Amino acid sequence: MRFSLSAYERFVMLVQLGGTKPRGEVVNNNLPEFVEFLYRIERYSQGAAADPAVKEELLEDLRDALIAIDPFSFELAENWWAMALRRLGGDGLVP
């Protein structure tokens, strides 16, 4: 899997070339939003590691912030960022 930036449309995409059929999906609407998501994920990770007791609260705050930045990324439960948050432990957090 590789991330790709569509120069014409400005989307950040995830492209999977392996397997029987190549696949691609839009991850974020633009590069600044993608970078902001990565930054906020790292801040969450550091905060959760520093104080595991507030991990769930931090994850909920993270989800709310990411949805405010790019609601499109969470429209479907199968969207990449929705799945990424579930892997962080937010099963009940993603619409």
C-alpha atoms as a PDB file:
ATOM      1  CA  MET A   1       0.000   0.000   0.000  1.00  0.00           C
ATOM      2  CA  ARG A   2       1.179   3.486  -0.825  1.00  0.00           C
ATOM      3  CA  PHE A   3      -0.120   6.952  -0.174  1.00  0.00           C
ATOM      4  CA  SER A   4      -0.363   9.167  -3.211  1.00  0.00           C
ATOM      5  CA  LEU A   5      -1.181  12.804  -3.831  1.00  0.00           C
ATOM      6  CA  SER A   6      -3.382  13.533  -6.828  1.00  0.00           C
ATOM      7  CA  ALA A   7      -1.750  16.627  -8.305  1.00  0.00           C
ATOM      8  CA  TYR A   8      -4.827  17.556 -10.312  1.00  0.00           C
ATOM      9  CA  GLU A   9      -7.532  16.917  -7.709  1.00  0.00           C
ATOM     10  CA  ARG A  10      -5.318  17.440  -4.612  1.00  0.00           C
ATOM     11  CA  PHE A  11      -6.678  14.353  -2.825  1.00  0.00           C
ATOM     12  CA  VAL A  12      -4.475  12.131  -0.710  1.00  0.00           C
ATOM     13  CA  MET A  13      -5.148   8.573  -1.780  1.00  0.00           C
ATOM     14  CA  LEU A  14      -4.217   5.129  -0.572  1.00  0.00           C
ATOM     15  CA  VAL A  15      -3.296   2.865  -3.465  1.00  0.00           C
ATOM     16  CA  GLN A  16      -2.896  -0.890  -3.247  1.00  0.00           C
ATOM     17  CA  LEU A  17      -1.304  -2.424  -6.320  1.00  0.00           C
ATOM     18  CA  GLY A  18      -0.845  -5.964  -5.014  1.00  0.00           C
ATOM     19  CA  GLY A  19      -3.394  -8.732  -5.234  1.00  0.00           C
ATOM     20  CA  THR A  20      -5.634  -9.595  -8.134  1.00  0.00           C
ATOM     21  CA  LYS A  21      -7.119  -6.132  -8.597  1.00  0.00           C
ATOM     22  CA  PRO A  22      -5.542  -2.729  -7.897  1.00  0.00           C
ATOM     23  CA  ARG A  23      -7.529  -0.606  -5.449  1.00  0.00           C
ATOM     24  CA  GLY A  24      -7.527   3.003  -4.430  1.00  0.00           C
ATOM     25  CA  GLU A  25      -9.439   5.188  -2.018  1.00  0.00           C
ATOM     26  CA  VAL A  26      -9.426   8.833  -1.020  1.00  0.00           C
ATOM     27  CA  VAL A  27      -7.969   9.248   2.471  1.00  0.00           C
ATOM     28  CA  ASN A  28      -8.181  13.038   2.872  1.00  0.00           C
ATOM     29  CA  ASN A  29      -9.395  15.939   0.784  1.00  0.00           C
ATOM     30  CA  ASN A  30      -5.942  17.520   0.631  1.00  0.00           C
ATOM     31  CA  LEU A  31      -2.360  17.236   1.866  1.00  0.00           C
ATOM     32  CA  PRO A  32      -2.611  19.780   4.724  1.00  0.00           C
ATOM     33  CA  GLU A  33      -5.519  17.814   6.245  1.00  0.00           C
ATOM     34  CA  PHE A  34      -3.574  14.556   5.919  1.00  0.00           C
ATOM     35  CA  VAL A  35      -0.545  16.065   7.679  1.00  0.00           C
ATOM     36  CA  GLU A  36      -2.787  17.541  10.391  1.00  0.00           C
ATOM     37  CA  PHE A  37      -4.330  14.091  10.959  1.00  0.00           C
ATOM     38  CA  LEU A  38      -0.862  12.538  11.335  1.00  0.00           C
ATOM     39  CA  TYR A  39       0.180  15.274  13.766  1.00  0.00           C
ATOM     40  CA  ARG A  40      -2.937  14.815  15.906  1.00  0.00           C
ATOM     41  CA  ILE A  41      -2.568  11.017  15.913  1.00  0.00           C
ATOM     42  CA  GLU A  42       0.990  11.420  17.212  1.00  0.00           C
ATOM     43  CA  ARG A  43      -0.156  13.873  19.913  1.00  0.00           C
ATOM     44  CA  TYR A  44      -2.834  11.391  20.957  1.00  0.00           C
ATOM     45  CA  SER A  45      -0.277   8.562  21.088  1.00  0.00           C
ATOM     46  CA  GLN A  46       2.061  10.574  23.271  1.00  0.00           C
ATOM     47  CA  GLY A  47      -0.745  11.663  25.604  1.00  0.00           C
ATOM     48  CA  ALA A  48      -2.141   8.143  25.939  1.00  0.00           C
ATOM     49  CA  ALA A  49       1.326   6.752  26.677  1.00  0.00           C
ATOM     50  CA  ALA A  50       1.947   9.434  29.306  1.00  0.00           C
ATOM     51  CA  ASP A  51      -1.394   8.858  31.074  1.00  0.00           C
ATOM     52  CA  PRO A  52      -3.252   5.650  30.110  1.00  0.00           C
ATOM     53  CA  ALA A  53      -6.120   6.597  32.435  1.00  0.00           C
ATOM     54  CA  VAL A  54      -7.239   9.314  30.006  1.00  0.00           C
ATOM     55  CA  LYS A  55      -6.743   7.271  26.827  1.00  0.00           C
ATOM     56  CA  GLU A  56     -10.473   6.953  26.039  1.00  0.00           C
ATOM     57  CA  GLU A  57     -11.125  10.646  26.622  1.00  0.00           C
ATOM     58  CA  LEU A  58      -8.158  11.587  24.424  1.00  0.00           C
ATOM     59  CA  LEU A  59      -9.381   9.229  21.701  1.00  0.00           C
ATOM     60  CA  GLU A  60     -12.843  10.775  21.755  1.00  0.00           C
ATOM     61  CA  ASP A  61     -11.307  14.264  21.545  1.00  0.00           C
ATOM     62  CA  LEU A  62      -9.131  13.073  18.668  1.00  0.00           C
ATOM     63  CA  ARG A  63     -12.093  11.669  16.780  1.00  0.00           C
ATOM     64  CA  ASP A  64     -14.091  14.888  17.246  1.00  0.00           C
ATOM     65  CA  ALA A  65     -11.159  17.010  16.049  1.00  0.00           C
ATOM     66  CA  LEU A  66     -10.519  14.859  12.981  1.00  0.00           C
ATOM     67  CA  ILE A  67     -14.187  14.818  11.993  1.00  0.00           C
ATOM     68  CA  ALA A  68     -14.283  18.617  12.309  1.00  0.00           C
ATOM     69  CA  ILE A  69     -11.253  18.922  10.005  1.00  0.00           C
ATOM     70  CA  ASP A  70     -12.433  16.459   7.318  1.00  0.00           C
ATOM     71  CA  PRO A  71     -15.913  14.934   7.809  1.00  0.00           C
ATOM     72  CA  PHE A  72     -15.615  13.131   4.453  1.00  0.00           C
ATOM     73  CA  SER A  73     -12.938  10.868   5.922  1.00  0.00           C
ATOM     74  CA  PHE A  74     -15.489   9.412   8.352  1.00  0.00           C
ATOM     75  CA  GLU A  75     -18.623   9.173   6.197  1.00  0.00           C
ATOM     76  CA  LEU A  76     -18.320   5.395   5.957  1.00  0.00           C
ATOM     77  CA  ALA A  77     -17.122   2.917   8.562  1.00  0.00           C
ATOM     78  CA  GLU A  78     -14.866   1.415   5.851  1.00  0.00           C
ATOM     79  CA  ASN A  79     -13.029   4.697   5.231  1.00  0.00           C
ATOM     80  CA  TRP A  80      -9.348   4.500   6.045  1.00  0.00           C
ATOM     81  CA  TRP A  81      -9.330   6.948   8.970  1.00  0.00           C
ATOM     82  CA  ALA A  82     -12.430   5.380  10.541  1.00  0.00           C
ATOM     83  CA  MET A  83     -10.652   2.026  10.473  1.00  0.00           C
ATOM     84  CA  ALA A  84      -7.453   3.604  11.825  1.00  0.00           C
ATOM     85  CA  LEU A  85      -9.314   5.001  14.842  1.00  0.00           C
ATOM     86  CA  ARG A  86     -10.892   1.620  15.537  1.00  0.00           C
ATOM     87  CA  ARG A  87      -7.416   0.094  15.555  1.00  0.00           C
ATOM     88  CA  LEU A  88      -6.410   2.679  18.151  1.00  0.00           C
ATOM     89  CA  GLY A  89      -9.188   1.354  20.351  1.00  0.00           C
ATOM     90  CA  GLY A  90     -12.127   3.516  19.388  1.00  0.00           C
ATOM     91  CA  ASP A  91     -14.652   0.813  18.474  1.00  0.00           C
ATOM     92  CA  GLY A  92     -17.588   2.824  19.749  1.00  0.00           C
ATOM     93  CA  LEU A  93     -16.273   6.173  18.602  1.00  0.00           C
ATOM     94  CA  VAL A  94     -16.632   6.040  14.843  1.00  0.00           C
ATOM     95  CA  PRO A  95     -20.028   6.635  13.247  1.00  0.00           C
END
